[in-house]
Amino acid sequence: MPGARSRLHWLALLLLVSSGCGRTGPRTRTIVTGRIEPGQIHFVTIVKPRKDEPSGWRAACIRINIQRANTGESFLCGFGVEMPIQNDDGPISLPLAQRITAERIHEAAEVVFSSATPASGLGLLCESLKKTLKPMLWASIEGSRVKTSCHKKAIPVQLGNLVP
């Protein structure tokens, strides 16, 4: 499938920590490449909603490969996202949940990686990404959660390529 292969190619490096090879002097700027598309967020219903009241939950499992460009070192950053199906503001459609989650992950990555250096620990960057994402997601959809681990029913989605 050429379309799927092309799509995977563009998603190969969602998050890239760069050392700035080819420049004179140290470079502290980092870049985030790629973008999570809403359709890549695969939510599953873990609690069915009750009619006309805040209830129901969806869960997604995200695994993002963080890769250091100058060494090829990589770290698989995994976390769960749980989203209400209906909160006090009303129903939250699946497309809205997917779009908000994808946008907030990208924004959190920009915040975290803009201050990273070539010496930043990739595991620490992962933890910082989750910590930064949590209030951003909550501010967009009250009741949403970022979990250290994925719900057992959630289907893991891996973004990026691991370096052997």
N, C-alpha and C. Protein backbone atom coordinates (compact mmCIF):
# COMPACT_ATOMS: atom_id res chain seq x y z
N MET A 1 0.82 -1.18 0.00
CA MET A 1 0.00 0.00 0.00
C MET A 1 0.87 1.25 0.00
N PRO A 2 1.03 1.92 -1.12
CA PRO A 2 1.89 3.08 -1.19
C PRO A 2 1.44 4.20 -0.28
N GLY A 3 0.14 4.44 -0.14
CA GLY A 3 -0.35 5.52 0.71
C GLY A 3 0.02 5.31 2.16
N ALA A 4 -0.16 4.11 2.66
CA ALA A 4 0.16 3.80 4.06
C ALA A 4 1.67 3.91 4.29
N ARG A 5 2.46 3.42 3.34
CA ARG A 5 3.92 3.50 3.48
C ARG A 5 4.36 4.95 3.51
N SER A 6 3.79 5.77 2.63
CA SER A 6 4.14 7.18 2.59
C SER A 6 3.77 7.86 3.90
N ARG A 7 2.59 7.53 4.43
CA ARG A 7 2.14 8.11 5.68
C ARG A 7 3.08 7.72 6.81
N LEU A 8 3.50 6.47 6.84
CA LEU A 8 4.43 6.02 7.88
C LEU A 8 5.78 6.72 7.74
N HIS A 9 6.19 6.96 6.50
CA HIS A 9 7.44 7.67 6.28
C HIS A 9 7.39 9.05 6.92
N TRP A 10 6.31 9.76 6.74
CA TRP A 10 6.19 11.11 7.30
C TRP A 10 6.09 11.09 8.81
N LEU A 11 5.64 9.99 9.36
CA LEU A 11 5.50 9.90 10.81
C LEU A 11 6.73 9.28 11.47
N ALA A 12 7.73 8.95 10.65
CA ALA A 12 8.89 8.20 11.15
C ALA A 12 9.53 8.85 12.36
N LEU A 13 9.65 10.14 12.37
CA LEU A 13 10.23 10.81 13.53
C LEU A 13 9.29 11.90 14.02
N LEU A 14 8.44 11.56 14.92
CA LEU A 14 7.50 12.54 15.46
C LEU A 14 8.23 13.57 16.30
N LEU A 15 9.07 13.09 17.15
CA LEU A 15 9.82 13.99 18.02
C LEU A 15 11.30 13.77 17.76
N LEU A 16 12.03 14.81 17.49
CA LEU A 16 13.45 14.68 17.18
C LEU A 16 14.22 15.66 18.04
N VAL A 17 15.16 15.15 18.80
CA VAL A 17 16.02 16.00 19.60
C VAL A 17 17.30 16.17 18.80
N SER A 18 17.61 17.39 18.40
CA SER A 18 18.71 17.63 17.47
C SER A 18 19.86 18.35 18.16
N SER A 19 21.07 17.97 17.79
CA SER A 19 22.26 18.63 18.35
C SER A 19 22.79 19.72 17.44
N GLY A 20 22.28 19.85 16.26
CA GLY A 20 22.72 20.91 15.36
C GLY A 20 24.05 20.62 14.69
N CYS A 21 24.24 19.44 14.17
CA CYS A 21 25.48 19.08 13.49
C CYS A 21 25.75 20.06 12.36
N GLY A 22 27.02 20.39 12.15
CA GLY A 22 27.39 21.27 11.05
C GLY A 22 27.49 22.73 11.45
N ARG A 23 27.12 23.08 12.64
CA ARG A 23 27.24 24.45 13.10
C ARG A 23 28.50 24.58 13.93
N THR A 24 29.02 25.78 14.01
CA THR A 24 30.14 26.00 14.90
C THR A 24 29.58 26.37 16.27
N GLY A 25 30.22 25.87 17.30
CA GLY A 25 29.76 26.14 18.66
C GLY A 25 28.58 25.27 19.03
N PRO A 26 28.27 25.21 20.31
CA PRO A 26 27.17 24.36 20.76
C PRO A 26 25.82 24.92 20.33
N ARG A 27 24.92 24.04 20.08
CA ARG A 27 23.56 24.43 19.71
C ARG A 27 22.63 23.90 20.78
N THR A 28 21.78 24.74 21.30
CA THR A 28 20.87 24.30 22.34
C THR A 28 19.44 24.20 21.83
N ARG A 29 19.19 24.63 20.62
CA ARG A 29 17.84 24.57 20.06
C ARG A 29 17.51 23.13 19.66
N THR A 30 16.31 22.73 19.92
CA THR A 30 15.85 21.41 19.50
C THR A 30 14.64 21.59 18.61
N ILE A 31 14.32 20.57 17.85
CA ILE A 31 13.19 20.67 16.94
C ILE A 31 12.27 19.49 17.13
N VAL A 32 11.01 19.73 16.89
CA VAL A 32 10.00 18.68 16.90
C VAL A 32 9.57 18.52 15.45
N THR A 33 9.69 17.30 14.93
CA THR A 33 9.30 17.07 13.55
C THR A 33 8.06 16.20 13.52
N GLY A 34 7.33 16.29 12.44
CA GLY A 34 6.13 15.48 12.29
C GLY A 34 4.98 16.06 13.08
N ARG A 35 3.88 15.41 12.97
CA ARG A 35 2.69 15.87 13.68
C ARG A 35 1.77 14.66 13.82
N ILE A 36 1.17 14.54 14.98
CA ILE A 36 0.20 13.47 15.19
C ILE A 36 -1.11 13.91 14.55
N GLU A 37 -1.65 13.08 13.72
CA GLU A 37 -2.95 13.35 13.12
C GLU A 37 -4.03 12.79 14.03
N PRO A 38 -5.17 13.45 14.13
CA PRO A 38 -6.24 12.97 15.01
C PRO A 38 -6.62 11.50 14.78
N GLY A 39 -6.64 11.06 13.53
CA GLY A 39 -7.00 9.67 13.23
C GLY A 39 -6.03 8.65 13.77
N GLN A 40 -4.84 9.09 14.19
CA GLN A 40 -3.86 8.18 14.76
C GLN A 40 -4.15 7.87 16.23
N ILE A 41 -4.99 8.66 16.85
CA ILE A 41 -5.34 8.45 18.25
C ILE A 41 -6.50 7.45 18.27
N HIS A 42 -6.23 6.26 18.75
CA HIS A 42 -7.23 5.19 18.75
C HIS A 42 -7.85 5.03 20.13
N PHE A 43 -8.96 5.72 20.34
CA PHE A 43 -9.67 5.59 21.61
C PHE A 43 -10.56 4.35 21.59
N VAL A 44 -10.64 3.69 22.73
CA VAL A 44 -11.59 2.60 22.93
C VAL A 44 -12.46 2.97 24.13
N THR A 45 -13.71 2.54 24.08
CA THR A 45 -14.61 2.81 25.20
C THR A 45 -14.30 1.84 26.32
N ILE A 46 -14.03 2.39 27.51
CA ILE A 46 -13.75 1.54 28.66
C ILE A 46 -14.91 1.55 29.66
N VAL A 47 -15.73 2.60 29.62
CA VAL A 47 -16.94 2.67 30.43
C VAL A 47 -18.01 3.30 29.55
N LYS A 48 -19.10 2.59 29.35
CA LYS A 48 -20.19 3.10 28.51
C LYS A 48 -20.89 4.27 29.22
N PRO A 49 -21.29 5.28 28.44
CA PRO A 49 -21.98 6.42 29.05
C PRO A 49 -23.43 6.09 29.39
N ARG A 50 -23.92 6.79 30.40
CA ARG A 50 -25.36 6.71 30.72
C ARG A 50 -26.01 7.89 30.01
N LYS A 51 -27.27 7.76 29.72
CA LYS A 51 -27.97 8.81 28.97
C LYS A 51 -28.06 10.12 29.75
N ASP A 52 -27.78 11.20 29.03
CA ASP A 52 -28.02 12.56 29.51
C ASP A 52 -27.38 12.91 30.85
N GLU A 53 -26.21 12.37 31.14
CA GLU A 53 -25.48 12.78 32.33
C GLU A 53 -23.99 12.56 32.11
N PRO A 54 -23.17 13.33 32.81
CA PRO A 54 -21.72 13.13 32.66
C PRO A 54 -21.34 11.70 33.02
N SER A 55 -20.79 11.00 32.06
CA SER A 55 -20.41 9.60 32.29
C SER A 55 -19.69 9.06 31.07
N GLY A 56 -19.15 7.87 31.22
CA GLY A 56 -18.47 7.18 30.14
C GLY A 56 -17.02 7.62 30.00
N TRP A 57 -16.19 6.66 29.60
CA TRP A 57 -14.76 6.94 29.42
C TRP A 57 -14.21 6.27 28.19
N ARG A 58 -13.25 6.96 27.56
CA ARG A 58 -12.48 6.41 26.45
C ARG A 58 -11.01 6.39 26.89
N ALA A 59 -10.26 5.45 26.33
CA ALA A 59 -8.82 5.39 26.63
C ALA A 59 -8.04 5.17 25.35
N ALA A 60 -6.86 5.76 25.30
CA ALA A 60 -5.93 5.57 24.19
C ALA A 60 -4.55 5.30 24.78
N CYS A 61 -3.74 4.58 24.04
CA CYS A 61 -2.38 4.26 24.47
C CYS A 61 -1.42 4.82 23.42
N ILE A 62 -0.56 5.74 23.84
CA ILE A 62 0.35 6.42 22.93
C ILE A 62 1.78 6.02 23.27
N ARG A 63 2.54 5.67 22.26
CA ARG A 63 3.97 5.39 22.42
C ARG A 63 4.70 6.20 21.36
N ILE A 64 5.50 7.14 21.82
CA ILE A 64 6.22 8.04 20.92
C ILE A 64 7.71 7.78 21.05
N ASN A 65 8.37 7.55 19.92
CA ASN A 65 9.81 7.37 19.95
C ASN A 65 10.48 8.74 19.95
N ILE A 66 11.28 8.99 20.97
CA ILE A 66 12.07 10.22 21.04
C ILE A 66 13.48 9.82 20.63
N GLN A 67 14.01 10.50 19.64
CA GLN A 67 15.32 10.12 19.10
C GLN A 67 16.28 11.29 19.08
N ARG A 68 17.49 11.04 19.51
CA ARG A 68 18.54 12.07 19.49
C ARG A 68 19.24 11.97 18.13
N ALA A 69 19.22 13.05 17.37
CA ALA A 69 19.73 13.04 16.00
C ALA A 69 21.23 12.80 15.92
N ASN A 70 22.00 13.33 16.87
CA ASN A 70 23.45 13.24 16.75
C ASN A 70 24.01 11.86 17.13
N THR A 71 23.27 11.08 17.91
CA THR A 71 23.79 9.77 18.34
C THR A 71 22.92 8.61 17.91
N GLY A 72 21.69 8.87 17.55
CA GLY A 72 20.75 7.79 17.23
C GLY A 72 20.11 7.20 18.48
N GLU A 73 20.52 7.67 19.66
CA GLU A 73 19.93 7.19 20.91
C GLU A 73 18.42 7.45 20.87
N SER A 74 17.65 6.49 21.36
CA SER A 74 16.20 6.68 21.35
C SER A 74 15.59 6.19 22.65
N PHE A 75 14.38 6.66 22.90
CA PHE A 75 13.64 6.29 24.09
C PHE A 75 12.17 6.19 23.70
N LEU A 76 11.53 5.09 24.06
CA LEU A 76 10.11 4.93 23.76
C LEU A 76 9.30 5.49 24.93
N CYS A 77 8.64 6.59 24.68
CA CYS A 77 7.86 7.30 25.69
C CYS A 77 6.41 6.85 25.58
N GLY A 78 5.96 6.10 26.56
CA GLY A 78 4.59 5.59 26.53
C GLY A 78 3.73 6.19 27.63
N PHE A 79 2.46 6.40 27.30
CA PHE A 79 1.53 6.91 28.29
C PHE A 79 0.10 6.65 27.82
N GLY A 80 -0.82 6.70 28.75
CA GLY A 80 -2.22 6.54 28.44
C GLY A 80 -2.94 7.88 28.49
N VAL A 81 -3.97 8.01 27.69
CA VAL A 81 -4.84 9.19 27.73
C VAL A 81 -6.25 8.67 27.93
N GLU A 82 -6.92 9.21 28.94
CA GLU A 82 -8.32 8.85 29.19
C GLU A 82 -9.16 10.11 29.09
N MET A 83 -10.30 9.96 28.44
CA MET A 83 -11.14 11.10 28.12
C MET A 83 -12.60 10.76 28.44
N PRO A 84 -13.31 11.68 29.10
CA PRO A 84 -14.73 11.41 29.33
C PRO A 84 -15.49 11.41 28.00
N ILE A 85 -16.54 10.64 27.94
CA ILE A 85 -17.40 10.64 26.76
C ILE A 85 -18.41 11.78 26.88
N GLN A 86 -18.80 12.06 28.11
CA GLN A 86 -19.67 13.21 28.38
C GLN A 86 -19.28 13.78 29.72
N ASN A 87 -18.99 15.08 29.76
CA ASN A 87 -18.69 15.74 31.03
C ASN A 87 -19.76 16.80 31.30
N ASP A 88 -19.52 17.68 32.26
CA ASP A 88 -20.52 18.70 32.61
C ASP A 88 -20.80 19.66 31.46
N ASP A 89 -19.88 19.77 30.51
CA ASP A 89 -20.08 20.64 29.35
C ASP A 89 -20.89 19.99 28.24
N GLY A 90 -21.14 18.68 28.38
CA GLY A 90 -21.92 17.97 27.36
C GLY A 90 -21.13 16.83 26.75
N PRO A 91 -21.68 16.24 25.68
CA PRO A 91 -21.01 15.11 25.04
C PRO A 91 -19.72 15.53 24.32
N ILE A 92 -18.75 14.63 24.33
CA ILE A 92 -17.48 14.86 23.65
C ILE A 92 -17.39 13.81 22.55
N SER A 93 -17.52 14.26 21.32
CA SER A 93 -17.49 13.31 20.20
C SER A 93 -16.10 12.68 20.07
N LEU A 94 -16.06 11.52 19.45
CA LEU A 94 -14.79 10.85 19.21
C LEU A 94 -13.85 11.73 18.37
N PRO A 95 -14.33 12.33 17.26
CA PRO A 95 -13.42 13.19 16.49
C PRO A 95 -12.87 14.37 17.30
N LEU A 96 -13.69 14.94 18.18
CA LEU A 96 -13.22 16.05 19.01
C LEU A 96 -12.16 15.55 20.00
N ALA A 97 -12.40 14.41 20.63
CA ALA A 97 -11.44 13.84 21.56
C ALA A 97 -10.11 13.55 20.86
N GLN A 98 -10.17 13.01 19.66
CA GLN A 98 -8.96 12.71 18.90
C GLN A 98 -8.21 13.99 18.52
N ARG A 99 -8.94 14.99 18.04
CA ARG A 99 -8.31 16.24 17.60
C ARG A 99 -7.65 16.96 18.77
N ILE A 100 -8.37 17.08 19.88
CA ILE A 100 -7.83 17.78 21.05
C ILE A 100 -6.60 17.05 21.58
N THR A 101 -6.66 15.73 21.65
CA THR A 101 -5.52 14.96 22.15
C THR A 101 -4.30 15.14 21.26
N ALA A 102 -4.48 15.02 19.94
CA ALA A 102 -3.37 15.19 19.01
C ALA A 102 -2.77 16.59 19.11
N GLU A 103 -3.61 17.61 19.16
CA GLU A 103 -3.12 18.99 19.24
C GLU A 103 -2.36 19.24 20.53
N ARG A 104 -2.90 18.77 21.66
CA ARG A 104 -2.24 19.01 22.95
C ARG A 104 -0.92 18.26 23.05
N ILE A 105 -0.83 17.04 22.49
CA ILE A 105 0.44 16.31 22.51
C ILE A 105 1.49 17.10 21.73
N HIS A 106 1.12 17.60 20.57
CA HIS A 106 2.07 18.36 19.77
C HIS A 106 2.49 19.64 20.51
N GLU A 107 1.55 20.35 21.11
CA GLU A 107 1.87 21.58 21.83
C GLU A 107 2.78 21.29 23.03
N ALA A 108 2.49 20.22 23.75
CA ALA A 108 3.33 19.85 24.90
C ALA A 108 4.74 19.51 24.43
N ALA A 109 4.85 18.80 23.31
CA ALA A 109 6.17 18.46 22.76
C ALA A 109 6.94 19.73 22.41
N GLU A 110 6.29 20.69 21.82
CA GLU A 110 6.95 21.96 21.48
C GLU A 110 7.48 22.64 22.74
N VAL A 111 6.69 22.68 23.80
CA VAL A 111 7.10 23.31 25.05
C VAL A 111 8.30 22.58 25.65
N VAL A 112 8.21 21.28 25.76
CA VAL A 112 9.25 20.49 26.41
C VAL A 112 10.54 20.50 25.60
N PHE A 113 10.45 20.25 24.31
CA PHE A 113 11.66 20.10 23.52
C PHE A 113 12.30 21.42 23.12
N SER A 114 11.58 22.52 23.23
CA SER A 114 12.19 23.81 22.90
C SER A 114 13.27 24.19 23.90
N SER A 115 13.20 23.65 25.11
CA SER A 115 14.22 23.96 26.11
C SER A 115 15.21 22.81 26.31
N ALA A 116 15.07 21.74 25.56
CA ALA A 116 15.98 20.59 25.70
C ALA A 116 17.33 20.91 25.07
N THR A 117 18.35 20.24 25.56
CA THR A 117 19.70 20.39 25.02
C THR A 117 20.18 19.01 24.57
N PRO A 118 21.31 18.95 23.85
CA PRO A 118 21.85 17.65 23.46
C PRO A 118 22.18 16.75 24.65
N ALA A 119 22.34 17.34 25.83
CA ALA A 119 22.66 16.55 27.02
C ALA A 119 21.42 16.15 27.81
N SER A 120 20.24 16.62 27.42
CA SER A 120 19.01 16.30 28.16
C SER A 120 18.74 14.80 28.12
N GLY A 121 18.40 14.23 29.25
CA GLY A 121 18.05 12.81 29.30
C GLY A 121 16.74 12.56 28.60
N LEU A 122 16.70 11.57 27.73
CA LEU A 122 15.48 11.30 26.96
C LEU A 122 14.35 10.81 27.87
N GLY A 123 14.66 10.01 28.87
CA GLY A 123 13.63 9.56 29.81
C GLY A 123 13.04 10.71 30.60
N LEU A 124 13.90 11.66 30.98
CA LEU A 124 13.42 12.84 31.70
C LEU A 124 12.55 13.71 30.80
N LEU A 125 12.92 13.79 29.52
CA LEU A 125 12.10 14.55 28.58
C LEU A 125 10.72 13.91 28.43
N CYS A 126 10.69 12.58 28.43
CA CYS A 126 9.41 11.86 28.35
C CYS A 126 8.54 12.20 29.54
N GLU A 127 9.12 12.16 30.74
CA GLU A 127 8.36 12.48 31.95
C GLU A 127 7.87 13.92 31.92
N SER A 128 8.71 14.81 31.44
CA SER A 128 8.33 16.21 31.33
C SER A 128 7.20 16.40 30.31
N LEU A 129 7.24 15.63 29.22
CA LEU A 129 6.18 15.69 28.22
C LEU A 129 4.84 15.32 28.85
N LYS A 130 4.81 14.23 29.61
CA LYS A 130 3.56 13.78 30.26
C LYS A 130 3.08 14.80 31.29
N LYS A 131 4.01 15.34 32.06
CA LYS A 131 3.67 16.32 33.09
C LYS A 131 3.12 17.61 32.47
N THR A 132 3.68 18.01 31.34
CA THR A 132 3.23 19.21 30.64
C THR A 132 1.89 18.98 29.96
N LEU A 133 1.70 17.78 29.41
CA LEU A 133 0.47 17.45 28.69
C LEU A 133 -0.75 17.42 29.61
N LYS A 134 -0.57 16.93 30.82
CA LYS A 134 -1.69 16.73 31.75
C LYS A 134 -2.56 17.98 31.94
N PRO A 135 -2.02 19.13 32.36
CA PRO A 135 -2.89 20.31 32.53
C PRO A 135 -3.39 20.89 31.21
N MET A 136 -2.62 20.72 30.14
CA MET A 136 -3.06 21.22 28.83
C MET A 136 -4.31 20.48 28.37
N LEU A 137 -4.29 19.17 28.56
CA LEU A 137 -5.43 18.35 28.14
C LEU A 137 -6.65 18.65 29.02
N TRP A 138 -6.42 18.76 30.32
CA TRP A 138 -7.51 19.06 31.26
C TRP A 138 -8.14 20.41 30.93
N ALA A 139 -7.32 21.40 30.59
CA ALA A 139 -7.85 22.73 30.26
C ALA A 139 -8.73 22.69 29.02
N SER A 140 -8.46 21.77 28.12
CA SER A 140 -9.25 21.65 26.89
C SER A 140 -10.52 20.85 27.10
N ILE A 141 -10.40 19.73 27.82
CA ILE A 141 -11.56 18.89 28.11
C ILE A 141 -11.49 18.47 29.58
N GLU A 142 -12.32 19.10 30.37
CA GLU A 142 -12.32 18.83 31.80
C GLU A 142 -12.62 17.36 32.07
N GLY A 143 -11.81 16.77 32.91
CA GLY A 143 -11.98 15.37 33.25
C GLY A 143 -10.98 14.47 32.55
N SER A 144 -10.30 14.99 31.53
CA SER A 144 -9.33 14.16 30.81
C SER A 144 -8.13 13.87 31.70
N ARG A 145 -7.45 12.76 31.42
CA ARG A 145 -6.33 12.34 32.26
C ARG A 145 -5.19 11.83 31.39
N VAL A 146 -3.99 12.04 31.88
CA VAL A 146 -2.79 11.46 31.30
C VAL A 146 -2.27 10.49 32.34
N LYS A 147 -2.11 9.24 31.94
CA LYS A 147 -1.70 8.18 32.86
C LYS A 147 -0.29 7.71 32.53
N THR A 148 0.43 7.26 33.53
CA THR A 148 1.76 6.72 33.33
C THR A 148 1.72 5.45 32.49
N SER A 149 0.68 4.67 32.69
CA SER A 149 0.55 3.44 31.91
C SER A 149 -0.78 3.46 31.16
N CYS A 150 -0.89 2.56 30.21
CA CYS A 150 -2.08 2.49 29.38
C CYS A 150 -3.13 1.58 29.99
N HIS A 151 -4.38 1.89 29.75
CA HIS A 151 -5.48 1.02 30.18
C HIS A 151 -5.35 -0.31 29.44
N LYS A 152 -5.69 -1.39 30.10
CA LYS A 152 -5.51 -2.73 29.51
C LYS A 152 -6.32 -2.95 28.24
N LYS A 153 -7.41 -2.21 28.04
CA LYS A 153 -8.22 -2.35 26.83
C LYS A 153 -7.72 -1.47 25.67
N ALA A 154 -6.87 -0.51 25.98
CA ALA A 154 -6.39 0.42 24.96
C ALA A 154 -5.41 -0.27 24.02
N ILE A 155 -5.50 0.08 22.75
CA ILE A 155 -4.63 -0.49 21.73
C ILE A 155 -3.44 0.45 21.56
N PRO A 156 -2.22 -0.03 21.84
CA PRO A 156 -1.05 0.84 21.72
C PRO A 156 -0.81 1.29 20.28
N VAL A 157 -0.53 2.56 20.12
CA VAL A 157 -0.18 3.13 18.83
C VAL A 157 1.22 3.68 18.97
N GLN A 158 2.13 3.16 18.16
CA GLN A 158 3.51 3.61 18.22
C GLN A 158 3.79 4.57 17.07
N LEU A 159 4.40 5.68 17.41
CA LEU A 159 4.74 6.70 16.44
C LEU A 159 6.25 6.88 16.42
N GLY A 160 6.84 6.85 15.27
CA GLY A 160 8.28 6.98 15.14
C GLY A 160 8.92 5.62 14.99
N ASN A 161 10.19 5.61 14.60
CA ASN A 161 10.94 4.37 14.42
C ASN A 161 11.98 4.24 15.52
N LEU A 162 12.11 3.06 16.04
CA LEU A 162 13.17 2.80 17.01
C LEU A 162 14.48 2.61 16.29
N VAL A 163 15.54 3.12 16.86
CA VAL A 163 16.87 2.93 16.30
C VAL A 163 17.40 1.62 16.86
N PRO A 164 17.88 0.69 15.99
CA PRO A 164 18.38 -0.60 16.49
C PRO A 164 19.62 -0.44 17.35
